[in-house]
mmCIF file of all heavy atoms, coordinates in Angstrom:
data_MODEL
# 
_entry.id   MODEL 
# 
loop_
_atom_site.group_PDB 
_atom_site.id 
_atom_site.type_symbol 
_atom_site.label_atom_id 
_atom_site.label_alt_id 
_atom_site.label_comp_id 
_atom_site.label_asym_id 
_atom_site.label_entity_id 
_atom_site.label_seq_id 
_atom_site.pdbx_PDB_ins_code 
_atom_site.Cartn_x 
_atom_site.Cartn_y 
_atom_site.Cartn_z 
_atom_site.occupancy 
_atom_site.B_iso_or_equiv 
_atom_site.pdbx_formal_charge 
_atom_site.auth_seq_id 
_atom_site.auth_comp_id 
_atom_site.auth_asym_id 
_atom_site.auth_atom_id 
_atom_site.pdbx_PDB_model_num 
ATOM 1   N N   . GLU A 1 1  ? -31.038 227.063 134.591 1.00 0.00 ? 1  GLU A N   1 
ATOM 2   C CA  . GLU A 1 1  ? -30.230 225.888 135.129 1.00 0.00 ? 1  GLU A CA  1 
ATOM 3   C C   . GLU A 1 1  ? -30.768 224.533 134.635 1.00 0.00 ? 1  GLU A C   1 
ATOM 4   O O   . GLU A 1 1  ? -30.018 223.609 134.323 1.00 0.00 ? 1  GLU A O   1 
ATOM 5   C CB  . GLU A 1 1  ? -30.311 225.962 136.655 1.00 0.00 ? 1  GLU A CB  1 
ATOM 6   C CG  . GLU A 1 1  ? -29.452 227.171 137.190 1.00 0.00 ? 1  GLU A CG  1 
ATOM 7   C CD  . GLU A 1 1  ? -29.509 227.183 138.654 1.00 0.00 ? 1  GLU A CD  1 
ATOM 8   O OE1 . GLU A 1 1  ? -30.059 226.295 139.325 1.00 0.00 ? 1  GLU A OE1 1 
ATOM 9   O OE2 . GLU A 1 1  ? -28.905 228.142 139.280 1.00 0.00 ? 1  GLU A OE2 1 
ATOM 10  N N   . LEU A 1 2  ? -32.119 224.416 134.515 1.00 0.00 ? 2  LEU A N   1 
ATOM 11  C CA  . LEU A 1 2  ? -32.698 223.172 133.915 1.00 0.00 ? 2  LEU A CA  1 
ATOM 12  C C   . LEU A 1 2  ? -32.215 223.032 132.518 1.00 0.00 ? 2  LEU A C   1 
ATOM 13  O O   . LEU A 1 2  ? -31.820 221.933 132.142 1.00 0.00 ? 2  LEU A O   1 
ATOM 14  C CB  . LEU A 1 2  ? -34.204 223.166 134.076 1.00 0.00 ? 2  LEU A CB  1 
ATOM 15  C CG  . LEU A 1 2  ? -34.860 222.948 135.328 1.00 0.00 ? 2  LEU A CG  1 
ATOM 16  C CD1 . LEU A 1 2  ? -36.401 223.164 135.229 1.00 0.00 ? 2  LEU A CD1 1 
ATOM 17  C CD2 . LEU A 1 2  ? -34.481 221.609 135.901 1.00 0.00 ? 2  LEU A CD2 1 
ATOM 18  N N   . GLN A 1 3  ? -32.223 224.120 131.793 1.00 0.00 ? 3  GLN A N   1 
ATOM 19  C CA  . GLN A 1 3  ? -31.795 224.015 130.348 1.00 0.00 ? 3  GLN A CA  1 
ATOM 20  C C   . GLN A 1 3  ? -30.352 223.644 130.220 1.00 0.00 ? 3  GLN A C   1 
ATOM 21  O O   . GLN A 1 3  ? -29.946 222.881 129.368 1.00 0.00 ? 3  GLN A O   1 
ATOM 22  C CB  . GLN A 1 3  ? -32.092 225.381 129.639 1.00 0.00 ? 3  GLN A CB  1 
ATOM 23  C CG  . GLN A 1 3  ? -31.742 225.400 128.140 1.00 0.00 ? 3  GLN A CG  1 
ATOM 24  C CD  . GLN A 1 3  ? -32.527 224.358 127.379 1.00 0.00 ? 3  GLN A CD  1 
ATOM 25  O OE1 . GLN A 1 3  ? -33.728 224.358 127.417 1.00 0.00 ? 3  GLN A OE1 1 
ATOM 26  N NE2 . GLN A 1 3  ? -31.902 223.520 126.637 1.00 0.00 ? 3  GLN A NE2 1 
ATOM 27  N N   . ALA A 1 4  ? -29.490 224.174 131.128 1.00 0.00 ? 4  ALA A N   1 
ATOM 28  C CA  . ALA A 1 4  ? -28.109 223.905 131.133 1.00 0.00 ? 4  ALA A CA  1 
ATOM 29  C C   . ALA A 1 4  ? -27.882 222.415 131.352 1.00 0.00 ? 4  ALA A C   1 
ATOM 30  O O   . ALA A 1 4  ? -26.965 221.759 130.782 1.00 0.00 ? 4  ALA A O   1 
ATOM 31  C CB  . ALA A 1 4  ? -27.316 224.776 132.113 1.00 0.00 ? 4  ALA A CB  1 
ATOM 32  N N   . ILE A 1 5  ? -28.611 221.867 132.249 1.00 0.00 ? 5  ILE A N   1 
ATOM 33  C CA  . ILE A 1 5  ? -28.507 220.407 132.602 1.00 0.00 ? 5  ILE A CA  1 
ATOM 34  C C   . ILE A 1 5  ? -28.985 219.593 131.357 1.00 0.00 ? 5  ILE A C   1 
ATOM 35  O O   . ILE A 1 5  ? -28.321 218.598 131.029 1.00 0.00 ? 5  ILE A O   1 
ATOM 36  C CB  . ILE A 1 5  ? -29.376 220.002 133.810 1.00 0.00 ? 5  ILE A CB  1 
ATOM 37  C CG1 . ILE A 1 5  ? -28.805 220.738 135.126 1.00 0.00 ? 5  ILE A CG1 1 
ATOM 38  C CG2 . ILE A 1 5  ? -29.338 218.530 134.042 1.00 0.00 ? 5  ILE A CG2 1 
ATOM 39  C CD1 . ILE A 1 5  ? -29.681 220.574 136.292 1.00 0.00 ? 5  ILE A CD1 1 
ATOM 40  N N   . TRP A 1 6  ? -30.017 220.009 130.721 1.00 0.00 ? 6  TRP A N   1 
ATOM 41  C CA  . TRP A 1 6  ? -30.511 219.292 129.544 1.00 0.00 ? 6  TRP A CA  1 
ATOM 42  C C   . TRP A 1 6  ? -29.440 219.304 128.389 1.00 0.00 ? 6  TRP A C   1 
ATOM 43  O O   . TRP A 1 6  ? -29.178 218.256 127.789 1.00 0.00 ? 6  TRP A O   1 
ATOM 44  C CB  . TRP A 1 6  ? -31.798 219.900 129.054 1.00 0.00 ? 6  TRP A CB  1 
ATOM 45  C CG  . TRP A 1 6  ? -32.478 219.112 127.888 1.00 0.00 ? 6  TRP A CG  1 
ATOM 46  C CD1 . TRP A 1 6  ? -33.366 218.211 128.025 1.00 0.00 ? 6  TRP A CD1 1 
ATOM 47  C CD2 . TRP A 1 6  ? -32.067 219.183 126.466 1.00 0.00 ? 6  TRP A CD2 1 
ATOM 48  N NE1 . TRP A 1 6  ? -33.710 217.665 126.764 1.00 0.00 ? 6  TRP A NE1 1 
ATOM 49  C CE2 . TRP A 1 6  ? -32.956 218.231 125.805 1.00 0.00 ? 6  TRP A CE2 1 
ATOM 50  C CE3 . TRP A 1 6  ? -31.198 219.958 125.746 1.00 0.00 ? 6  TRP A CE3 1 
ATOM 51  C CZ2 . TRP A 1 6  ? -32.811 218.078 124.434 1.00 0.00 ? 6  TRP A CZ2 1 
ATOM 52  C CZ3 . TRP A 1 6  ? -31.209 219.757 124.370 1.00 0.00 ? 6  TRP A CZ3 1 
ATOM 53  C CH2 . TRP A 1 6  ? -31.991 218.774 123.669 1.00 0.00 ? 6  TRP A CH2 1 
ATOM 54  N N   . ASP A 1 7  ? -28.781 220.503 128.281 1.00 0.00 ? 7  ASP A N   1 
ATOM 55  C CA  . ASP A 1 7  ? -27.691 220.642 127.326 1.00 0.00 ? 7  ASP A CA  1 
ATOM 56  C C   . ASP A 1 7  ? -26.576 219.571 127.623 1.00 0.00 ? 7  ASP A C   1 
ATOM 57  O O   . ASP A 1 7  ? -25.955 218.991 126.703 1.00 0.00 ? 7  ASP A O   1 
ATOM 58  C CB  . ASP A 1 7  ? -27.143 221.978 127.298 1.00 0.00 ? 7  ASP A CB  1 
ATOM 59  C CG  . ASP A 1 7  ? -28.151 223.021 126.707 1.00 0.00 ? 7  ASP A CG  1 
ATOM 60  O OD1 . ASP A 1 7  ? -29.094 222.592 126.026 1.00 0.00 ? 7  ASP A OD1 1 
ATOM 61  O OD2 . ASP A 1 7  ? -27.954 224.236 127.001 1.00 0.00 ? 7  ASP A OD2 1 
ATOM 62  N N   . ARG A 1 8  ? -26.282 219.466 128.906 1.00 0.00 ? 8  ARG A N   1 
ATOM 63  C CA  . ARG A 1 8  ? -25.232 218.528 129.362 1.00 0.00 ? 8  ARG A CA  1 
ATOM 64  C C   . ARG A 1 8  ? -25.660 217.093 129.040 1.00 0.00 ? 8  ARG A C   1 
ATOM 65  O O   . ARG A 1 8  ? -24.865 216.258 128.560 1.00 0.00 ? 8  ARG A O   1 
ATOM 66  C CB  . ARG A 1 8  ? -24.958 218.692 130.845 1.00 0.00 ? 8  ARG A CB  1 
ATOM 67  C CG  . ARG A 1 8  ? -23.860 217.861 131.421 1.00 0.00 ? 8  ARG A CG  1 
ATOM 68  C CD  . ARG A 1 8  ? -23.171 218.497 132.636 1.00 0.00 ? 8  ARG A CD  1 
ATOM 69  N NE  . ARG A 1 8  ? -24.121 218.990 133.634 1.00 0.00 ? 8  ARG A NE  1 
ATOM 70  C CZ  . ARG A 1 8  ? -24.452 218.182 134.682 1.00 0.00 ? 8  ARG A CZ  1 
ATOM 71  N NH1 . ARG A 1 8  ? -23.950 216.978 134.773 1.00 0.00 ? 8  ARG A NH1 1 
ATOM 72  N NH2 . ARG A 1 8  ? -25.304 218.687 135.574 1.00 0.00 ? 8  ARG A NH2 1 
ATOM 73  N N   . MET A 1 9  ? -26.937 216.794 129.244 1.00 0.00 ? 9  MET A N   1 
ATOM 74  C CA  . MET A 1 9  ? -27.376 215.455 128.900 1.00 0.00 ? 9  MET A CA  1 
ATOM 75  C C   . MET A 1 9  ? -27.232 215.181 127.371 1.00 0.00 ? 9  MET A C   1 
ATOM 76  O O   . MET A 1 9  ? -26.817 214.113 127.019 1.00 0.00 ? 9  MET A O   1 
ATOM 77  C CB  . MET A 1 9  ? -28.951 215.287 129.300 1.00 0.00 ? 9  MET A CB  1 
ATOM 78  C CG  . MET A 1 9  ? -29.127 215.278 130.775 1.00 0.00 ? 9  MET A CG  1 
ATOM 79  S SD  . MET A 1 9  ? -30.913 215.259 131.103 1.00 0.00 ? 9  MET A SD  1 
ATOM 80  C CE  . MET A 1 9  ? -31.430 213.773 130.431 1.00 0.00 ? 9  MET A CE  1 
ATOM 81  N N   . ASN A 1 10 ? -27.564 216.115 126.593 1.00 0.00 ? 10 ASN A N   1 
ATOM 82  C CA  . ASN A 1 10 ? -27.491 216.060 125.159 1.00 0.00 ? 10 ASN A CA  1 
ATOM 83  C C   . ASN A 1 10 ? -26.054 215.754 124.741 1.00 0.00 ? 10 ASN A C   1 
ATOM 84  O O   . ASN A 1 10 ? -25.768 214.996 123.859 1.00 0.00 ? 10 ASN A O   1 
ATOM 85  C CB  . ASN A 1 10 ? -28.094 217.212 124.498 1.00 0.00 ? 10 ASN A CB  1 
ATOM 86  C CG  . ASN A 1 10 ? -28.372 216.964 122.953 1.00 0.00 ? 10 ASN A CG  1 
ATOM 87  O OD1 . ASN A 1 10 ? -28.883 215.910 122.678 1.00 0.00 ? 10 ASN A OD1 1 
ATOM 88  N ND2 . ASN A 1 10 ? -27.982 217.946 122.126 1.00 0.00 ? 10 ASN A ND2 1 
ATOM 89  N N   . GLU A 1 11 ? -25.138 216.565 125.298 1.00 0.00 ? 11 GLU A N   1 
ATOM 90  C CA  . GLU A 1 11 ? -23.669 216.352 125.022 1.00 0.00 ? 11 GLU A CA  1 
ATOM 91  C C   . GLU A 1 11 ? -23.220 214.952 125.314 1.00 0.00 ? 11 GLU A C   1 
ATOM 92  O O   . GLU A 1 11 ? -22.406 214.392 124.625 1.00 0.00 ? 11 GLU A O   1 
ATOM 93  C CB  . GLU A 1 11 ? -22.902 217.375 125.762 1.00 0.00 ? 11 GLU A CB  1 
ATOM 94  C CG  . GLU A 1 11 ? -23.068 218.822 125.235 1.00 0.00 ? 11 GLU A CG  1 
ATOM 95  C CD  . GLU A 1 11 ? -22.427 219.877 126.138 1.00 0.00 ? 11 GLU A CD  1 
ATOM 96  O OE1 . GLU A 1 11 ? -21.813 219.495 127.229 1.00 0.00 ? 11 GLU A OE1 1 
ATOM 97  O OE2 . GLU A 1 11 ? -22.641 221.093 125.882 1.00 0.00 ? 11 GLU A OE2 1 
ATOM 98  N N   . CYS A 1 12 ? -23.697 214.513 126.447 1.00 0.00 ? 12 CYS A N   1 
ATOM 99  C CA  . CYS A 1 12 ? -23.346 213.087 126.849 1.00 0.00 ? 12 CYS A CA  1 
ATOM 100 C C   . CYS A 1 12 ? -23.873 212.083 125.963 1.00 0.00 ? 12 CYS A C   1 
ATOM 101 O O   . CYS A 1 12 ? -23.215 211.067 125.609 1.00 0.00 ? 12 CYS A O   1 
ATOM 102 C CB  . CYS A 1 12 ? -23.784 212.864 128.306 1.00 0.00 ? 12 CYS A CB  1 
ATOM 103 S SG  . CYS A 1 12 ? -22.934 213.704 129.578 1.00 0.00 ? 12 CYS A SG  1 
ATOM 104 N N   . LYS A 1 13 ? -25.087 212.326 125.420 1.00 0.00 ? 13 LYS A N   1 
ATOM 105 C CA  . LYS A 1 13 ? -25.665 211.393 124.445 1.00 0.00 ? 13 LYS A CA  1 
ATOM 106 C C   . LYS A 1 13 ? -24.816 211.362 123.205 1.00 0.00 ? 13 LYS A C   1 
ATOM 107 O O   . LYS A 1 13 ? -24.550 210.257 122.655 1.00 0.00 ? 13 LYS A O   1 
ATOM 108 C CB  . LYS A 1 13 ? -27.067 211.798 124.095 1.00 0.00 ? 13 LYS A CB  1 
ATOM 109 C CG  . LYS A 1 13 ? -27.703 211.003 122.998 1.00 0.00 ? 13 LYS A CG  1 
ATOM 110 C CD  . LYS A 1 13 ? -28.579 211.949 122.146 1.00 0.00 ? 13 LYS A CD  1 
ATOM 111 C CE  . LYS A 1 13 ? -28.914 211.208 120.831 1.00 0.00 ? 13 LYS A CE  1 
ATOM 112 N NZ  . LYS A 1 13 ? -29.689 212.074 119.880 1.00 0.00 ? 13 LYS A NZ  1 
ATOM 113 N N   . ILE A 1 14 ? -24.362 212.518 122.680 1.00 0.00 ? 14 ILE A N   1 
ATOM 114 C CA  . ILE A 1 14 ? -23.559 212.582 121.556 1.00 0.00 ? 14 ILE A CA  1 
ATOM 115 C C   . ILE A 1 14 ? -22.268 211.758 121.704 1.00 0.00 ? 14 ILE A C   1 
ATOM 116 O O   . ILE A 1 14 ? -21.729 211.092 120.796 1.00 0.00 ? 14 ILE A O   1 
ATOM 117 C CB  . ILE A 1 14 ? -23.237 214.085 121.220 1.00 0.00 ? 14 ILE A CB  1 
ATOM 118 C CG1 . ILE A 1 14 ? -24.592 214.755 120.668 1.00 0.00 ? 14 ILE A CG1 1 
ATOM 119 C CG2 . ILE A 1 14 ? -22.208 214.151 120.018 1.00 0.00 ? 14 ILE A CG2 1 
ATOM 120 C CD1 . ILE A 1 14 ? -24.441 216.258 120.618 1.00 0.00 ? 14 ILE A CD1 1 
ATOM 121 N N   . ARG A 1 15 ? -21.631 211.901 122.935 1.00 0.00 ? 15 ARG A N   1 
ATOM 122 C CA  . ARG A 1 15 ? -20.411 211.205 123.224 1.00 0.00 ? 15 ARG A CA  1 
ATOM 123 C C   . ARG A 1 15 ? -20.633 209.737 123.643 1.00 0.00 ? 15 ARG A C   1 
ATOM 124 O O   . ARG A 1 15 ? -19.697 209.014 123.909 1.00 0.00 ? 15 ARG A O   1 
ATOM 125 C CB  . ARG A 1 15 ? -19.669 211.911 124.334 1.00 0.00 ? 15 ARG A CB  1 
ATOM 126 C CG  . ARG A 1 15 ? -19.251 213.354 124.076 1.00 0.00 ? 15 ARG A CG  1 
ATOM 127 C CD  . ARG A 1 15 ? -18.239 213.771 125.117 1.00 0.00 ? 15 ARG A CD  1 
ATOM 128 N NE  . ARG A 1 15 ? -18.652 213.626 126.436 1.00 0.00 ? 15 ARG A NE  1 
ATOM 129 C CZ  . ARG A 1 15 ? -19.271 214.543 127.128 1.00 0.00 ? 15 ARG A CZ  1 
ATOM 130 N NH1 . ARG A 1 15 ? -19.521 215.736 126.554 1.00 0.00 ? 15 ARG A NH1 1 
ATOM 131 N NH2 . ARG A 1 15 ? -19.653 214.374 128.416 1.00 0.00 ? 15 ARG A NH2 1 
ATOM 132 N N   . LEU A 1 16 ? -21.950 209.370 123.690 1.00 0.00 ? 16 LEU A N   1 
ATOM 133 C CA  . LEU A 1 16 ? -22.265 207.982 124.222 1.00 0.00 ? 16 LEU A CA  1 
ATOM 134 C C   . LEU A 1 16 ? -21.692 207.722 125.588 1.00 0.00 ? 16 LEU A C   1 
ATOM 135 O O   . LEU A 1 16 ? -21.274 206.669 125.906 1.00 0.00 ? 16 LEU A O   1 
ATOM 136 C CB  . LEU A 1 16 ? -21.789 206.896 123.207 1.00 0.00 ? 16 LEU A CB  1 
ATOM 137 C CG  . LEU A 1 16 ? -22.298 206.955 121.778 1.00 0.00 ? 16 LEU A CG  1 
ATOM 138 C CD1 . LEU A 1 16 ? -21.717 205.840 120.911 1.00 0.00 ? 16 LEU A CD1 1 
ATOM 139 C CD2 . LEU A 1 16 ? -23.798 206.804 121.816 1.00 0.00 ? 16 LEU A CD2 1 
ATOM 140 N N   . ASP A 1 17 ? -21.756 208.809 126.384 1.00 0.00 ? 17 ASP A N   1 
ATOM 141 C CA  . ASP A 1 17 ? -21.285 208.785 127.761 1.00 0.00 ? 17 ASP A CA  1 
ATOM 142 C C   . ASP A 1 17 ? -22.453 208.472 128.640 1.00 0.00 ? 17 ASP A C   1 
ATOM 143 O O   . ASP A 1 17 ? -23.114 209.355 129.207 1.00 0.00 ? 17 ASP A O   1 
ATOM 144 C CB  . ASP A 1 17 ? -20.639 210.106 128.165 1.00 0.00 ? 17 ASP A CB  1 
ATOM 145 C CG  . ASP A 1 17 ? -20.147 210.190 129.557 1.00 0.00 ? 17 ASP A CG  1 
ATOM 146 O OD1 . ASP A 1 17 ? -20.290 209.179 130.301 1.00 0.00 ? 17 ASP A OD1 1 
ATOM 147 O OD2 . ASP A 1 17 ? -19.675 211.294 129.982 1.00 0.00 ? 17 ASP A OD2 1 
ATOM 148 N N   . SER A 1 18 ? -22.702 207.185 128.899 1.00 0.00 ? 18 SER A N   1 
ATOM 149 C CA  . SER A 1 18 ? -23.863 206.807 129.721 1.00 0.00 ? 18 SER A CA  1 
ATOM 150 C C   . SER A 1 18 ? -23.745 207.179 131.148 1.00 0.00 ? 18 SER A C   1 
ATOM 151 O O   . SER A 1 18 ? -24.759 207.595 131.801 1.00 0.00 ? 18 SER A O   1 
ATOM 152 C CB  . SER A 1 18 ? -24.246 205.345 129.583 1.00 0.00 ? 18 SER A CB  1 
ATOM 153 O OG  . SER A 1 18 ? -23.086 204.550 130.052 1.00 0.00 ? 18 SER A OG  1 
ATOM 154 N N   . LYS A 1 19 ? -22.526 207.205 131.630 1.00 0.00 ? 19 LYS A N   1 
ATOM 155 C CA  . LYS A 1 19 ? -22.311 207.544 133.117 1.00 0.00 ? 19 LYS A CA  1 
ATOM 156 C C   . LYS A 1 19 ? -22.641 208.998 133.277 1.00 0.00 ? 19 LYS A C   1 
ATOM 157 O O   . LYS A 1 19 ? -23.348 209.458 134.215 1.00 0.00 ? 19 LYS A O   1 
ATOM 158 C CB  . LYS A 1 19 ? -20.931 207.175 133.540 1.00 0.00 ? 19 LYS A CB  1 
ATOM 159 C CG  . LYS A 1 19 ? -20.679 207.494 134.996 1.00 0.00 ? 19 LYS A CG  1 
ATOM 160 C CD  . LYS A 1 19 ? -19.226 207.046 135.350 1.00 0.00 ? 19 LYS A CD  1 
ATOM 161 C CE  . LYS A 1 19 ? -18.947 207.208 136.846 1.00 0.00 ? 19 LYS A CE  1 
ATOM 162 N NZ  . LYS A 1 19 ? -18.974 208.562 137.239 1.00 0.00 ? 19 LYS A NZ  1 
ATOM 163 N N   . GLY A 1 20 ? -22.079 209.875 132.407 1.00 0.00 ? 20 GLY A N   1 
ATOM 164 C CA  . GLY A 1 20 ? -22.264 211.257 132.463 1.00 0.00 ? 20 GLY A CA  1 
ATOM 165 C C   . GLY A 1 20 ? -23.743 211.632 132.254 1.00 0.00 ? 20 GLY A C   1 
ATOM 166 O O   . GLY A 1 20 ? -24.242 212.519 132.920 1.00 0.00 ? 20 GLY A O   1 
ATOM 167 N N   . PHE A 1 21 ? -24.409 210.946 131.345 1.00 0.00 ? 21 PHE A N   1 
ATOM 168 C CA  . PHE A 1 21 ? -25.784 211.122 131.070 1.00 0.00 ? 21 PHE A CA  1 
ATOM 169 C C   . PHE A 1 21 ? -26.630 210.861 132.289 1.00 0.00 ? 21 PHE A C   1 
ATOM 170 O O   . PHE A 1 21 ? -27.528 211.608 132.641 1.00 0.00 ? 21 PHE A O   1 
ATOM 171 C CB  . PHE A 1 21 ? -26.225 210.274 129.955 1.00 0.00 ? 21 PHE A CB  1 
ATOM 172 C CG  . PHE A 1 21 ? -27.650 210.550 129.377 1.00 0.00 ? 21 PHE A CG  1 
ATOM 173 C CD1 . PHE A 1 21 ? -27.833 211.388 128.346 1.00 0.00 ? 21 PHE A CD1 1 
ATOM 174 C CD2 . PHE A 1 21 ? -28.753 209.960 130.026 1.00 0.00 ? 21 PHE A CD2 1 
ATOM 175 C CE1 . PHE A 1 21 ? -29.135 211.610 127.900 1.00 0.00 ? 21 PHE A CE1 1 
ATOM 176 C CE2 . PHE A 1 21 ? -30.059 210.201 129.545 1.00 0.00 ? 21 PHE A CE2 1 
ATOM 177 C CZ  . PHE A 1 21 ? -30.231 211.061 128.477 1.00 0.00 ? 21 PHE A CZ  1 
ATOM 178 N N   . GLY A 1 22 ? -26.337 209.744 133.016 1.00 0.00 ? 22 GLY A N   1 
ATOM 179 C CA  . GLY A 1 22 ? -27.062 209.408 134.162 1.00 0.00 ? 22 GLY A CA  1 
ATOM 180 C C   . GLY A 1 22 ? -26.855 210.377 135.260 1.00 0.00 ? 22 GLY A C   1 
ATOM 181 O O   . GLY A 1 22 ? -27.888 210.735 135.987 1.00 0.00 ? 22 GLY A O   1 
ATOM 182 N N   . GLU A 1 23 ? -25.677 210.906 135.451 1.00 0.00 ? 23 GLU A N   1 
ATOM 183 C CA  . GLU A 1 23 ? -25.426 211.947 136.470 1.00 0.00 ? 23 GLU A CA  1 
ATOM 184 C C   . GLU A 1 23 ? -26.190 213.200 136.141 1.00 0.00 ? 23 GLU A C   1 
ATOM 185 O O   . GLU A 1 23 ? -26.788 213.844 137.022 1.00 0.00 ? 23 GLU A O   1 
ATOM 186 C CB  . GLU A 1 23 ? -23.947 212.226 136.535 1.00 0.00 ? 23 GLU A CB  1 
ATOM 187 C CG  . GLU A 1 23 ? -23.111 211.067 137.174 1.00 0.00 ? 23 GLU A CG  1 
ATOM 188 C CD  . GLU A 1 23 ? -21.645 211.306 137.036 1.00 0.00 ? 23 GLU A CD  1 
ATOM 189 O OE1 . GLU A 1 23 ? -21.181 212.286 136.405 1.00 0.00 ? 23 GLU A OE1 1 
ATOM 190 O OE2 . GLU A 1 23 ? -20.839 210.515 137.584 1.00 0.00 ? 23 GLU A OE2 1 
ATOM 191 N N   . ALA A 1 24 ? -26.187 213.606 134.868 1.00 0.00 ? 24 ALA A N   1 
ATOM 192 C CA  . ALA A 1 24 ? -26.925 214.803 134.477 1.00 0.00 ? 24 ALA A CA  1 
ATOM 193 C C   . ALA A 1 24 ? -28.430 214.602 134.600 1.00 0.00 ? 24 ALA A C   1 
ATOM 194 O O   . ALA A 1 24 ? -29.197 215.497 135.080 1.00 0.00 ? 24 ALA A O   1 
ATOM 195 C CB  . ALA A 1 24 ? -26.571 215.207 133.027 1.00 0.00 ? 24 ALA A CB  1 
# 
């Protein structure tokens, strides 16, 4: 589950989605 959250953070970084990154 930690790895899945990290993957979500990385995806948000690629999209420059700061809000989604913060939530993740």
